[in-house]
C-alpha atoms as a PDB file:
ATOM      1  CA  MET A   1     -60.682-155.948  43.857  1.00  0.00           C
ATOM      2  CA  LYS A   2     -64.245-157.371  44.403  1.00  0.00           C
ATOM      3  CA  ILE A   3     -66.158-155.588  47.046  1.00  0.00           C
ATOM      4  CA  ALA A   4     -69.735-156.482  48.437  1.00  0.00           C
ATOM      5  CA  PHE A   5     -71.875-154.062  50.386  1.00  0.00           C
ATOM      6  CA  PHE A   6     -74.537-155.506  52.665  1.00  0.00           C
ATOM      7  CA  SER A   7     -77.410-152.921  54.184  1.00  0.00           C
ATOM      8  CA  GLU A   8     -80.835-153.073  55.287  1.00  0.00           C
ATOM      9  CA  ILE A   9     -81.858-151.695  51.844  1.00  0.00           C
ATOM     10  CA  ARG A  10     -83.818-154.360  49.733  1.00  0.00           C
ATOM     11  CA  PHE A  11     -81.999-154.199  46.445  1.00  0.00           C
ATOM     12  CA  ALA A  12     -79.433-156.488  44.827  1.00  0.00           C
ATOM     13  CA  SER A  13     -77.396-154.881  42.211  1.00  0.00           C
ATOM     14  CA  LYS A  14     -74.460-152.354  41.480  1.00  0.00           C
ATOM     15  CA  VAL A  15     -75.641-148.498  41.867  1.00  0.00           C
ATOM     16  CA  PRO A  16     -75.777-146.966  38.800  1.00  0.00           C
ATOM     17  CA  ARG A  17     -74.097-143.239  38.271  1.00  0.00           C
ATOM     18  CA  TYR A  18     -77.301-142.083  37.109  1.00  0.00           C
ATOM     19  CA  HIS A  19     -79.360-142.855  40.494  1.00  0.00           C
ATOM     20  CA  LYS A  20     -81.046-139.544  41.446  1.00  0.00           C
ATOM     21  CA  ASN A  21     -80.918-140.360  45.005  1.00  0.00           C
ATOM     22  CA  MET A  22     -77.267-140.874  45.267  1.00  0.00           C
ATOM     23  CA  ARG A  23     -77.009-140.640  49.294  1.00  0.00           C
ATOM     24  CA  VAL A  24     -73.229-141.069  50.353  1.00  0.00           C
ATOM     25  CA  GLU A  25     -73.461-144.729  50.743  1.00  0.00           C
ATOM     26  CA  PHE A  26     -74.763-145.050  47.320  1.00  0.00           C
ATOM     27  CA  ALA A  27     -71.891-142.991  46.153  1.00  0.00           C
ATOM     28  CA  GLN A  28     -69.425-145.041  47.939  1.00  0.00           C
ATOM     29  CA  MET A  29     -70.828-148.280  46.461  1.00  0.00           C
ATOM     30  CA  CYS A  30     -70.880-146.763  43.059  1.00  0.00           C
ATOM     31  CA  ALA A  31     -67.337-145.370  43.078  1.00  0.00           C
ATOM     32  CA  LEU A  32     -66.198-148.719  43.982  1.00  0.00           C
ATOM     33  CA  GLU A  33     -67.936-150.503  41.817  1.00  0.00           C
ATOM     34  CA  ALA A  34     -69.286-152.676  44.454  1.00  0.00           C
ATOM     35  CA  ASP A  35     -72.081-154.984  44.299  1.00  0.00           C
ATOM     36  CA  HIS A  36     -75.155-154.275  46.994  1.00  0.00           C
ATOM     37  CA  TYR A  37     -77.122-157.209  48.620  1.00  0.00           C
ATOM     38  CA  PRO A  38     -79.947-156.973  51.565  1.00  0.00           C
ATOM     39  CA  MET A  39     -78.068-158.051  54.761  1.00  0.00           C
ATOM     40  CA  LEU A  40     -80.900-160.142  55.453  1.00  0.00           C
ATOM     41  CA  ASP A  41     -80.086-162.033  52.420  1.00  0.00           C
ATOM     42  CA  ILE A  42     -76.683-162.726  53.372  1.00  0.00           C
ATOM     43  CA  ILE A  43     -76.929-166.376  53.849  1.00  0.00           C
ATOM     44  CA  ASN A  44     -77.809-166.750  50.283  1.00  0.00           C
ATOM     45  CA  VAL A  45     -74.783-165.250  48.831  1.00  0.00           C
ATOM     46  CA  LYS A  46     -72.838-167.442  46.114  1.00  0.00           C
ATOM     47  CA  GLU A  47     -70.311-165.280  44.752  1.00  0.00           C
ATOM     48  CA  GLN A  48     -66.790-164.795  45.862  1.00  0.00           C
ATOM     49  CA  TYR A  49     -65.804-161.646  47.319  1.00  0.00           C
ATOM     50  CA  ASP A  50     -62.070-159.790  48.402  1.00  0.00           C
ATOM     51  CA  VAL A  51     -63.952-157.682  50.890  1.00  0.00           C
ATOM     52  CA  ALA A  52     -67.569-157.697  52.359  1.00  0.00           C
ATOM     53  CA  ILE A  53     -68.687-154.221  54.126  1.00  0.00           C
ATOM     54  CA  LEU A  54     -71.544-154.633  56.551  1.00  0.00           C
ATOM     55  CA  LEU A  55     -73.296-151.324  56.883  1.00  0.00           C
ATOM     56  CA  VAL A  56     -75.760-152.103  59.868  1.00  0.00           C
ATOM     57  CA  GLY A  57     -78.594-149.856  59.836  1.00  0.00           C
ATOM     58  CA  LYS A  58     -79.893-148.008  62.919  1.00  0.00           C
ATOM     59  CA  ALA A  59     -83.472-148.809  62.533  1.00  0.00           C
ATOM     60  CA  ALA A  60     -85.095-150.771  65.243  1.00  0.00           C
ATOM     61  CA  PRO A  61     -87.081-153.095  63.238  1.00  0.00           C
ATOM     62  CA  PHE A  62     -84.119-153.890  61.042  1.00  0.00           C
ATOM     63  CA  ARG A  63     -81.838-154.617  63.929  1.00  0.00           C
ATOM     64  CA  GLU A  64     -84.574-157.090  65.617  1.00  0.00           C
ATOM     65  CA  HIS A  65     -84.195-159.158  62.255  1.00  0.00           C
ATOM     66  CA  ILE A  66     -80.475-158.968  61.832  1.00  0.00           C
ATOM     67  CA  SER A  67     -79.517-159.564  65.275  1.00  0.00           C
ATOM     68  CA  ASN A  68     -80.524-163.039  64.793  1.00  0.00           C
ATOM     69  CA  ILE A  69     -77.982-163.709  62.267  1.00  0.00           C
ATOM     70  CA  ASP A  70     -74.326-164.261  62.867  1.00  0.00           C
ATOM     71  CA  VAL A  71     -73.509-161.911  59.830  1.00  0.00           C
ATOM     72  CA  VAL A  72     -69.546-161.767  60.126  1.00  0.00           C
ATOM     73  CA  ASN A  73     -69.412-165.482  60.139  1.00  0.00           C
ATOM     74  CA  GLU A  74     -71.833-165.765  57.279  1.00  0.00           C
ATOM     75  CA  ALA A  75     -69.708-163.311  55.294  1.00  0.00           C
ATOM     76  CA  ARG A  76     -66.659-165.176  55.947  1.00  0.00           C
ATOM     77  CA  LYS A  77     -68.102-168.218  53.636  1.00  0.00           C
ATOM     78  CA  PHE A  78     -67.559-165.958  50.595  1.00  0.00           C
ATOM     79  CA  SER A  79     -65.261-163.185  51.577  1.00  0.00           C
ATOM     80  CA  LYS A  80     -61.684-162.854  52.304  1.00  0.00           C
ATOM     81  CA  LYS A  81     -62.223-159.914  54.775  1.00  0.00           C
ATOM     82  CA  VAL A  82     -65.113-158.737  56.694  1.00  0.00           C
ATOM     83  CA  LEU A  83     -65.674-154.966  57.687  1.00  0.00           C
ATOM     84  CA  TRP A  84     -68.126-153.421  59.596  1.00  0.00           C
ATOM     85  CA  MET A  85     -69.163-149.704  58.531  1.00  0.00           C
ATOM     86  CA  GLN A  86     -70.408-147.166  60.882  1.00  0.00           C
ATOM     87  CA  GLU A  87     -74.103-145.979  60.060  1.00  0.00           C
ATOM     88  CA  GLY A  88     -74.798-142.983  62.256  1.00  0.00           C
ATOM     89  CA  PRO A  89     -72.807-141.746  65.216  1.00  0.00           C
ATOM     90  CA  HIS A  90     -70.616-143.921  67.251  1.00  0.00           C
ATOM     91  CA  TRP A  91     -72.835-144.109  70.037  1.00  0.00           C
ATOM     92  CA  ILE A  92     -76.055-144.801  68.233  1.00  0.00           C
ATOM     93  CA  PHE A  93     -76.228-148.193  69.614  1.00  0.00           C
ATOM     94  CA  GLN A  94     -76.329-147.383  73.137  1.00  0.00           C
ATOM     95  CA  ASP A  95     -79.748-146.243  72.665  1.00  0.00           C
ATOM     96  CA  MET A  96     -80.734-149.583  71.775  1.00  0.00           C
ATOM     97  CA  PRO A  97     -81.970-152.444  73.827  1.00  0.00           C
ATOM     98  CA  LEU A  98     -79.308-154.159  75.943  1.00  0.00           C
ATOM     99  CA  GLU A  99     -79.261-157.398  73.853  1.00  0.00           C
ATOM    100  CA  HIS A 100     -78.568-155.133  70.654  1.00  0.00           C
ATOM    101  CA  GLN A 101     -75.603-153.333  72.410  1.00  0.00           C
ATOM    102  CA  PHE A 102     -74.142-156.707  72.746  1.00  0.00           C
ATOM    103  CA  TRP A 103     -74.645-157.857  69.349  1.00  0.00           C
ATOM    104  CA  HIS A 104     -73.524-154.513  67.988  1.00  0.00           C
ATOM    105  CA  TYR A 105     -70.358-154.894  70.160  1.00  0.00           C
ATOM    106  CA  ASN A 106     -69.963-158.712  69.002  1.00  0.00           C
ATOM    107  CA  VAL A 107     -69.870-157.691  65.349  1.00  0.00           C
ATOM    108  CA  LEU A 108     -67.347-154.897  65.908  1.00  0.00           C
ATOM    109  CA  VAL A 109     -64.917-156.979  67.671  1.00  0.00           C
ATOM    110  CA  SER A 110     -65.311-160.154  65.464  1.00  0.00           C
ATOM    111  CA  ALA A 111     -65.117-158.359  62.026  1.00  0.00           C
ATOM    112  CA  ASP A 112     -61.262-158.064  60.478  1.00  0.00           C
ATOM    113  CA  GLY A 113     -61.784-154.422  60.496  1.00  0.00           C
ATOM    114  CA  LEU A 114     -64.014-151.060  60.979  1.00  0.00           C
ATOM    115  CA  LEU A 115     -64.895-148.322  58.696  1.00  0.00           C
ATOM    116  CA  CYS A 116     -65.821-145.099  60.440  1.00  0.00           C
ATOM    117  CA  GLU A 117     -67.325-141.708  58.834  1.00  0.00           C
ATOM    118  CA  ASN A 118     -64.698-139.358  60.509  1.00  0.00           C
ATOM    119  CA  LYS A 119     -61.138-139.546  61.622  1.00  0.00           C
ATOM    120  CA  THR A 120     -62.225-138.068  65.068  1.00  0.00           C
ATOM    121  CA  ASP A 121     -64.055-141.581  65.480  1.00  0.00           C
ATOM    122  CA  ILE A 122     -61.010-143.699  65.106  1.00  0.00           C
ATOM    123  CA  PRO A 123     -59.911-143.391  68.548  1.00  0.00           C
ATOM    124  CA  TYR A 124     -63.563-144.353  69.762  1.00  0.00           C
ATOM    125  CA  PHE A 125     -63.452-147.567  67.960  1.00  0.00           C
ATOM    126  CA  LYS A 126     -59.892-148.570  68.661  1.00  0.00           C
ATOM    127  CA  GLY A 127     -60.889-147.969  72.262  1.00  0.00           C
ATOM    128  CA  ILE A 128     -63.841-150.068  72.429  1.00  0.00           C
ATOM    129  CA  ALA A 129     -62.693-152.768  69.874  1.00  0.00           C
ATOM    130  CA  GLY A 130     -59.065-153.135  70.582  1.00  0.00           C
ATOM    131  CA  GLU A 131     -55.875-151.359  69.950  1.00  0.00           C
ATOM    132  CA  ASP A 132     -54.732-153.856  67.300  1.00  0.00           C
ATOM    133  CA  LYS A 133     -58.197-153.575  65.493  1.00  0.00           C
ATOM    134  CA  TRP A 134     -58.114-152.457  61.749  1.00  0.00           C
ATOM    135  CA  VAL A 135     -59.833-149.095  61.613  1.00  0.00           C
ATOM    136  CA  GLU A 136     -59.728-146.662  58.579  1.00  0.00           C
ATOM    137  CA  ASP A 137     -62.014-143.656  58.010  1.00  0.00           C
ATOM    138  CA  ILE A 138     -64.320-144.090  54.608  1.00  0.00           C
ATOM    139  CA  PRO A 139     -64.299-140.525  53.137  1.00  0.00           C
ATOM    140  CA  SER A 140     -67.852-139.190  52.549  1.00  0.00           C
ATOM    141  CA  LEU A 141     -68.373-138.880  48.508  1.00  0.00           C
ATOM    142  CA  MET A 142     -70.774-137.344  46.012  1.00  0.00           C
ATOM    143  CA  ILE A 143     -71.163-138.750  42.263  1.00  0.00           C
ATOM    144  CA  THR A 144     -71.604-135.594  40.262  1.00  0.00           C
ATOM    145  CA  ASP A 145     -72.629-136.832  36.990  1.00  0.00           C
ATOM    146  CA  LEU A 146     -76.177-135.461  37.241  1.00  0.00           C
ATOM    147  CA  ILE A 147     -75.328-132.252  38.972  1.00  0.00           C
ATOM    148  CA  LYS A 148     -72.561-130.709  36.909  1.00  0.00           C
ATOM    149  CA  ASP A 149     -74.909-128.279  35.416  1.00  0.00           C
ATOM    150  CA  VAL A 150     -75.529-126.396  38.883  1.00  0.00           C
ATOM    151  CA  GLU A 151     -71.860-126.366  40.181  1.00  0.00           C
ATOM    152  CA  PHE A 152     -71.631-122.371  39.709  1.00  0.00           C
ATOM    153  CA  GLN A 153     -75.048-121.399  39.534  1.00  0.00           C
ATOM    154  CA  PRO A 154     -75.569-117.904  41.040  1.00  0.00           C
ATOM    155  CA  LYS A 155     -76.214-117.278  44.714  1.00  0.00           C
ATOM    156  CA  GLU A 156     -79.162-115.619  46.048  1.00  0.00           C
ATOM    157  CA  GLU A 157     -78.937-113.402  49.366  1.00  0.00           C
ATOM    158  CA  LYS A 158     -80.469-115.923  51.661  1.00  0.00           C
ATOM    159  CA  VAL A 159     -79.209-118.559  54.272  1.00  0.00           C
ATOM    160  CA  VAL A 160     -80.045-122.173  54.680  1.00  0.00           C
ATOM    161  CA  ILE A 161     -79.571-123.957  58.039  1.00  0.00           C
ATOM    162  CA  GLY A 162     -78.737-127.408  57.702  1.00  0.00           C
ATOM    163  CA  GLY A 163     -81.267-129.547  60.092  1.00  0.00           C
ATOM    164  CA  ASN A 164     -84.425-129.207  62.007  1.00  0.00           C
ATOM    165  CA  PHE A 165     -85.241-128.281  65.524  1.00  0.00           C
ATOM    166  CA  CYS A 166     -84.342-131.392  67.563  1.00  0.00           C
ATOM    167  CA  ARG A 167     -80.903-132.190  69.283  1.00  0.00           C
ATOM    168  CA  TRP A 168     -79.913-134.461  66.575  1.00  0.00           C
ATOM    169  CA  TYR A 169     -79.679-131.628  64.247  1.00  0.00           C
ATOM    170  CA  GLY A 170     -79.160-128.737  66.298  1.00  0.00           C
ATOM    171  CA  GLY A 171     -81.666-126.727  64.155  1.00  0.00           C
ATOM    172  CA  PHE A 172     -82.695-124.131  66.911  1.00  0.00           C
ATOM    173  CA  ASP A 173     -78.882-122.970  67.391  1.00  0.00           C
ATOM    174  CA  SER A 174     -78.506-122.583  63.648  1.00  0.00           C
ATOM    175  CA  TYR A 175     -81.718-120.666  63.373  1.00  0.00           C
ATOM    176  CA  ILE A 176     -80.668-118.171  66.362  1.00  0.00           C
ATOM    177  CA  CYS A 177     -77.492-117.331  64.338  1.00  0.00           C
ATOM    178  CA  ALA A 178     -79.123-117.243  61.049  1.00  0.00           C
ATOM    179  CA  ARG A 179     -81.444-114.561  62.186  1.00  0.00           C
ATOM    180  CA  ASP A 180     -78.575-112.249  62.507  1.00  0.00           C
ATOM    181  CA  LEU A 181     -78.238-111.933  58.812  1.00  0.00           C
ATOM    182  CA  ASP A 182     -81.637-110.371  58.349  1.00  0.00           C
ATOM    183  CA  ILE A 183     -82.354-112.392  55.138  1.00  0.00           C
ATOM    184  CA  PRO A 184     -84.251-115.204  53.832  1.00  0.00           C
ATOM    185  CA  ILE A 185     -83.876-118.363  56.146  1.00  0.00           C
ATOM    186  CA  TRP A 186     -84.688-121.861  54.924  1.00  0.00           C
ATOM    187  CA  ALA A 187     -84.437-125.128  55.951  1.00  0.00           C
ATOM    188  CA  PRO A 188     -84.911-128.889  55.106  1.00  0.00           C
ATOM    189  CA  SER A 189     -87.419-131.279  56.243  1.00  0.00           C
ATOM    190  CA  MET A 190     -85.639-134.242  57.880  1.00  0.00           C
ATOM    191  CA  GLY A 191     -87.016-137.535  59.104  1.00  0.00           C
ATOM    192  CA  ARG A 192     -86.755-136.313  62.849  1.00  0.00           C
ATOM    193  CA  LYS A 193     -88.744-132.734  62.090  1.00  0.00           C
ATOM    194  CA  ILE A 194     -90.774-132.067  65.348  1.00  0.00           C
ATOM    195  CA  LYS A 195     -94.328-131.121  65.462  1.00  0.00           C
ATOM    196  CA  ASN A 196     -95.418-127.491  64.793  1.00  0.00           C
ATOM    197  CA  GLU A 197     -92.034-126.728  63.508  1.00  0.00           C
ATOM    198  CA  GLU A 198     -93.447-125.193  60.348  1.00  0.00           C
ATOM    199  CA  LEU A 199     -95.306-122.575  62.483  1.00  0.00           C
ATOM    200  CA  ILE A 200     -92.126-120.370  63.018  1.00  0.00           C
ATOM    201  CA  GLU A 201     -92.891-117.504  60.848  1.00  0.00           C
ATOM    202  CA  ASP A 202     -89.483-116.644  59.568  1.00  0.00           C
ATOM    203  CA  ILE A 203     -88.547-120.043  58.245  1.00  0.00           C
ATOM    204  CA  ASN A 204     -89.309-121.497  54.927  1.00  0.00           C
ATOM    205  CA  TYR A 205     -89.059-125.381  54.472  1.00  0.00           C
ATOM    206  CA  PHE A 206     -88.276-127.429  51.738  1.00  0.00           C
ATOM    207  CA  PRO A 207     -90.371-130.238  50.879  1.00  0.00           C
ATOM    208  CA  TYR A 208     -88.658-133.658  51.157  1.00  0.00           C
ATOM    209  CA  MET A 209     -86.809-134.437  47.986  1.00  0.00           C
ATOM    210  CA  GLU A 210     -84.472-136.495  46.439  1.00  0.00           C
ATOM    211  CA  TRP A 211     -80.531-135.969  46.159  1.00  0.00           C
ATOM    212  CA  VAL A 212     -80.521-134.444  42.890  1.00  0.00           C
ATOM    213  CA  ASP A 213     -83.359-132.345  43.773  1.00  0.00           C
ATOM    214  CA  TRP A 214     -81.664-131.205  46.955  1.00  0.00           C
ATOM    215  CA  ILE A 215     -78.287-130.100  45.197  1.00  0.00           C
ATOM    216  CA  LYS A 216     -80.048-128.170  42.574  1.00  0.00           C
ATOM    217  CA  THR A 217     -82.179-126.534  45.159  1.00  0.00           C
ATOM    218  CA  LEU A 218     -79.209-125.638  47.545  1.00  0.00           C
ATOM    219  CA  SER A 219     -77.029-124.547  44.746  1.00  0.00           C
ATOM    220  CA  SER A 220     -78.732-120.722  44.852  1.00  0.00           C
ATOM    221  CA  PHE A 221     -77.924-120.271  48.397  1.00  0.00           C
ATOM    222  CA  LYS A 222     -75.165-117.860  49.570  1.00  0.00           C
ATOM    223  CA  TYR A 223     -74.623-118.795  53.216  1.00  0.00           C
ATOM    224  CA  ALA A 224     -74.961-121.902  55.195  1.00  0.00           C
ATOM    225  CA  ILE A 225     -74.866-122.878  58.943  1.00  0.00           C
ATOM    226  CA  HIS A 226     -75.425-126.414  60.544  1.00  0.00           C
ATOM    227  CA  LEU A 227     -74.590-126.549  64.312  1.00  0.00           C
ATOM    228  CA  MET A 228     -75.315-129.965  64.301  1.00  0.00           C
ATOM    229  CA  PRO A 229     -74.130-132.094  67.724  1.00  0.00           C
ATOM    230  CA  THR A 230     -74.322-135.381  66.185  1.00  0.00           C
ATOM    231  CA  THR A 231     -71.266-136.637  64.117  1.00  0.00           C
ATOM    232  CA  GLY A 232     -72.152-138.396  61.258  1.00  0.00           C
ATOM    233  CA  ALA A 233     -71.309-138.304  57.316  1.00  0.00           C
ATOM    234  CA  GLY A 234     -71.081-134.578  57.046  1.00  0.00           C
ATOM    235  CA  THR A 235     -73.065-134.323  53.714  1.00  0.00           C
ATOM    236  CA  PHE A 236     -74.303-131.009  54.201  1.00  0.00           C
ATOM    237  CA  SER A 237     -71.120-129.395  54.542  1.00  0.00           C
ATOM    238  CA  MET A 238     -69.623-131.508  51.509  1.00  0.00           C
ATOM    239  CA  ASN A 239     -72.689-130.502  49.555  1.00  0.00           C
ATOM    240  CA  CYS A 240     -72.170-126.730  50.352  1.00  0.00           C
ATOM    241  CA  ALA A 241     -68.469-126.969  49.374  1.00  0.00           C
ATOM    242  CA  TYR A 242     -69.028-128.398  46.195  1.00  0.00           C
ATOM    243  CA  LEU A 243     -71.390-125.471  45.180  1.00  0.00           C
ATOM    244  CA  GLY A 244     -69.058-122.870  46.906  1.00  0.00           C
ATOM    245  CA  ILE A 245     -71.021-122.326  49.831  1.00  0.00           C
ATOM    246  CA  PRO A 246     -69.191-121.266  52.822  1.00  0.00           C
ATOM    247  CA  CYS A 247     -70.751-123.214  55.669  1.00  0.00           C
ATOM    248  CA  VAL A 248     -70.120-122.408  59.422  1.00  0.00           C
ATOM    249  CA  ALA A 249     -70.246-125.778  61.540  1.00  0.00           C
ATOM    250  CA  TYR A 250     -68.448-127.708  64.336  1.00  0.00           C
ATOM    251  CA  ASN A 251     -65.176-129.228  63.517  1.00  0.00           C
ATOM    252  CA  ASP A 252     -65.492-132.922  64.622  1.00  0.00           C
ATOM    253  CA  LEU A 253     -66.624-133.627  60.889  1.00  0.00           C
ATOM    254  CA  ASP A 254     -64.069-134.562  58.362  1.00  0.00           C
ATOM    255  CA  THR A 255     -66.244-132.877  55.676  1.00  0.00           C
ATOM    256  CA  GLN A 256     -66.165-129.694  57.708  1.00  0.00           C
ATOM    257  CA  ILE A 257     -62.794-129.347  58.778  1.00  0.00           C
ATOM    258  CA  ASN A 258     -61.257-130.646  55.456  1.00  0.00           C
ATOM    259  CA  LEU A 259     -63.543-128.318  53.241  1.00  0.00           C
ATOM    260  CA  HIS A 260     -64.236-125.324  55.635  1.00  0.00           C
ATOM    261  CA  PRO A 261     -61.271-125.103  57.866  1.00  0.00           C
ATOM    262  CA  ASP A 262     -61.807-121.190  58.425  1.00  0.00           C
ATOM    263  CA  LEU A 263     -65.322-121.630  59.268  1.00  0.00           C
ATOM    264  CA  SER A 264     -65.378-124.463  61.853  1.00  0.00           C
ATOM    265  CA  VAL A 265     -65.516-124.076  65.658  1.00  0.00           C
ATOM    266  CA  ASN A 266     -65.529-126.322  68.692  1.00  0.00           C
ATOM    267  CA  PRO A 267     -68.766-128.212  69.619  1.00  0.00           C
ATOM    268  CA  SER A 268     -70.931-126.153  71.392  1.00  0.00           C
ATOM    269  CA  ASP A 269     -69.116-122.922  70.421  1.00  0.00           C
ATOM    270  CA  VAL A 270     -72.335-121.197  69.330  1.00  0.00           C
ATOM    271  CA  GLN A 271     -70.399-117.433  70.032  1.00  0.00           C
ATOM    272  CA  SER A 272     -67.721-118.073  67.537  1.00  0.00           C
ATOM    273  CA  ALA A 273     -70.125-119.505  64.855  1.00  0.00           C
ATOM    274  CA  ARG A 274     -72.176-116.574  64.959  1.00  0.00           C
ATOM    275  CA  LYS A 275     -69.365-114.149  64.747  1.00  0.00           C
ATOM    276  CA  LEU A 276     -67.944-115.911  61.463  1.00  0.00           C
ATOM    277  CA  LEU A 277     -71.765-116.321  60.105  1.00  0.00           C
ATOM    278  CA  ASN A 278     -71.901-112.502  60.264  1.00  0.00           C
ATOM    279  CA  LYS A 279     -68.515-111.772  58.989  1.00  0.00           C
ATOM    280  CA  LEU A 280     -69.429-113.894  55.652  1.00  0.00           C
ATOM    281  CA  LYS A 281     -72.357-111.468  55.341  1.00  0.00           C
ATOM    282  CA  ASN A 282     -70.409-108.197  56.209  1.00  0.00           C
ATOM    283  CA  ASP A 283     -66.967-108.825  54.523  1.00  0.00           C
ATOM    284  CA  SER A 284     -67.184-109.698  50.721  1.00  0.00           C
ATOM    285  CA  ILE A 285     -63.414-110.402  50.569  1.00  0.00           C
ATOM    286  CA  PHE A 286     -63.644-112.876  53.243  1.00  0.00           C
ATOM    287  CA  TYR A 287     -66.853-114.266  51.602  1.00  0.00           C
ATOM    288  CA  LYS A 288     -65.244-114.822  48.649  1.00  0.00           C
ATOM    289  CA  ASP A 289     -61.851-116.194  50.121  1.00  0.00           C
ATOM    290  CA  MET A 290     -64.027-118.991  51.651  1.00  0.00           C
ATOM    291  CA  SER A 291     -66.107-119.530  48.779  1.00  0.00           C
ATOM    292  CA  ASP A 292     -63.037-120.288  46.555  1.00  0.00           C
ATOM    293  CA  LYS A 293     -61.224-122.234  49.128  1.00  0.00           C
ATOM    294  CA  CYS A 294     -64.174-124.768  49.734  1.00  0.00           C
ATOM    295  CA  ARG A 295     -64.584-125.466  46.046  1.00  0.00           C
ATOM    296  CA  GLU A 296     -60.989-126.241  45.740  1.00  0.00           C
ATOM    297  CA  LEU A 297     -60.630-128.379  48.738  1.00  0.00           C
ATOM    298  CA  TYR A 298     -63.541-130.464  47.778  1.00  0.00           C
ATOM    299  CA  LYS A 299     -61.407-131.437  44.814  1.00  0.00           C
ATOM    300  CA  GLN A 300     -58.469-132.397  46.956  1.00  0.00           C
ATOM    301  CA  HIS A 301     -60.501-134.173  49.860  1.00  0.00           C
ATOM    302  CA  HIS A 302     -63.805-135.384  48.729  1.00  0.00           C
ATOM    303  CA  SER A 303     -63.837-135.892  45.087  1.00  0.00           C
ATOM    304  CA  GLU A 304     -64.330-139.327  43.278  1.00  0.00           C
ATOM    305  CA  GLU A 305     -60.648-139.396  42.055  1.00  0.00           C
ATOM    306  CA  PHE A 306     -59.338-138.708  45.908  1.00  0.00           C
ATOM    307  CA  PHE A 307     -61.981-141.109  47.248  1.00  0.00           C
ATOM    308  CA  LYS A 308     -60.851-144.004  44.574  1.00  0.00           C
ATOM    309  CA  SER A 309     -56.955-143.754  45.432  1.00  0.00           C
ATOM    310  CA  ASP A 310     -57.586-143.312  49.101  1.00  0.00           C
ATOM    311  CA  MET A 311     -59.788-146.350  49.601  1.00  0.00           C
ATOM    312  CA  LYS A 312     -57.632-148.691  47.074  1.00  0.00           C
ATOM    313  CA  GLN A 313     -54.493-147.750  49.097  1.00  0.00           C
ATOM    314  CA  LYS A 314     -56.572-148.639  52.390  1.00  0.00           C
ATOM    315  CA  LEU A 315     -58.147-151.792  51.420  1.00  0.00           C
ATOM    316  CA  ASN A 316     -55.090-153.287  49.723  1.00  0.00           C
ATOM    317  CA  GLY A 317     -53.257-152.481  53.168  1.00  0.00           C
ATOM    318  CA  LEU A 318     -55.907-154.588  54.632  1.00  0.00           C
ATOM    319  CA  LEU A 319     -55.500-157.450  52.098  1.00  0.00           C
END
C-alpha cells in the first residue's frame, strides 16, 4: 500500500528510522514507510498513491496559506482515498478566525475519512462530520531503534511533571501533587512555557531537547504525573510506559488508559490523582506492579508491531 503524508513541515522524503527527533507523527510515517510532502506543494505531486493523509497543522501562519488551497480535491488527483488527520485537540480549530473554522469543517466533511488521536475523539468527529463518515484512531507510536539502551535504566527517587504552568498542560495541578512526595521535581520546557516559571524554587527545568535526548533523560525518573486537560496524542504517558515509569494522568487519552489503567482518573479529579501518586511512593509492591504492567501493556497496545497490524487492517477496510 502506497501512502503519502502532507504537513506544514518543509521536507519531501521518507522518515529514516535513525531520525533523532522522532516525534509521534514522524514515527507513524516511518512505520508505514510513507512518503512525506510539504502540504503547500500538494499541487505539484506526480506520484500515484492509495492513501493521502492530510495532517493540517494548527499554526496560524500555515493556516493562512493553506486555506487558499482545496487540499482534498488536489489530493484526489493522485490518491484513491484522502484522509484528514487530527493535530492537537479536536476543538483547536474553534480558536481560529471564523473563515478558518469553516475551511477546517469543509475539509473534514469532504475527505473520505478521518484519523483521530484517541478513541474518545471518535464520537466528536462522527457528530460534526456525519454519522456515516469513516472515522478511526491512529495509535500513537515510538520508533525505538535509537533508545533500546535506556529501556531498563535504574530509576532515581525523583518525579517529573509532564508540562508547564498553563491551561494547555495543567502543570500547576501536577506540581501541587508532586510536592507531596518531598523529592526533586523536574519539568520539561515546552513551547507554551510562561514568563517567570523558572523562578519556582523547587522545580528543576530541562532545556529544550530532541526526542532521543528526552527519552534518555526521562529514563532515570521513578514517578510521573501529567494532569493535562488538553486531549492530544498522549506521548508523555506512552514514553513513560516504555521506560517502566508509572504515570498518573487523566483517562481521556488512549495512551494513558491503555498503558496506565490503574493510574488513570477522570478529568479534573486531582484528589484521586494525588492519592495515587502518594500510593506509588509509599507502597513498593503497588509501584512494582504498576511499573511492570505499563511495560507489558506498551508491547500490547503501542508497539510498532501492533501499530502496523492495526493500521493495515483499518486502511484495507477503507480501500
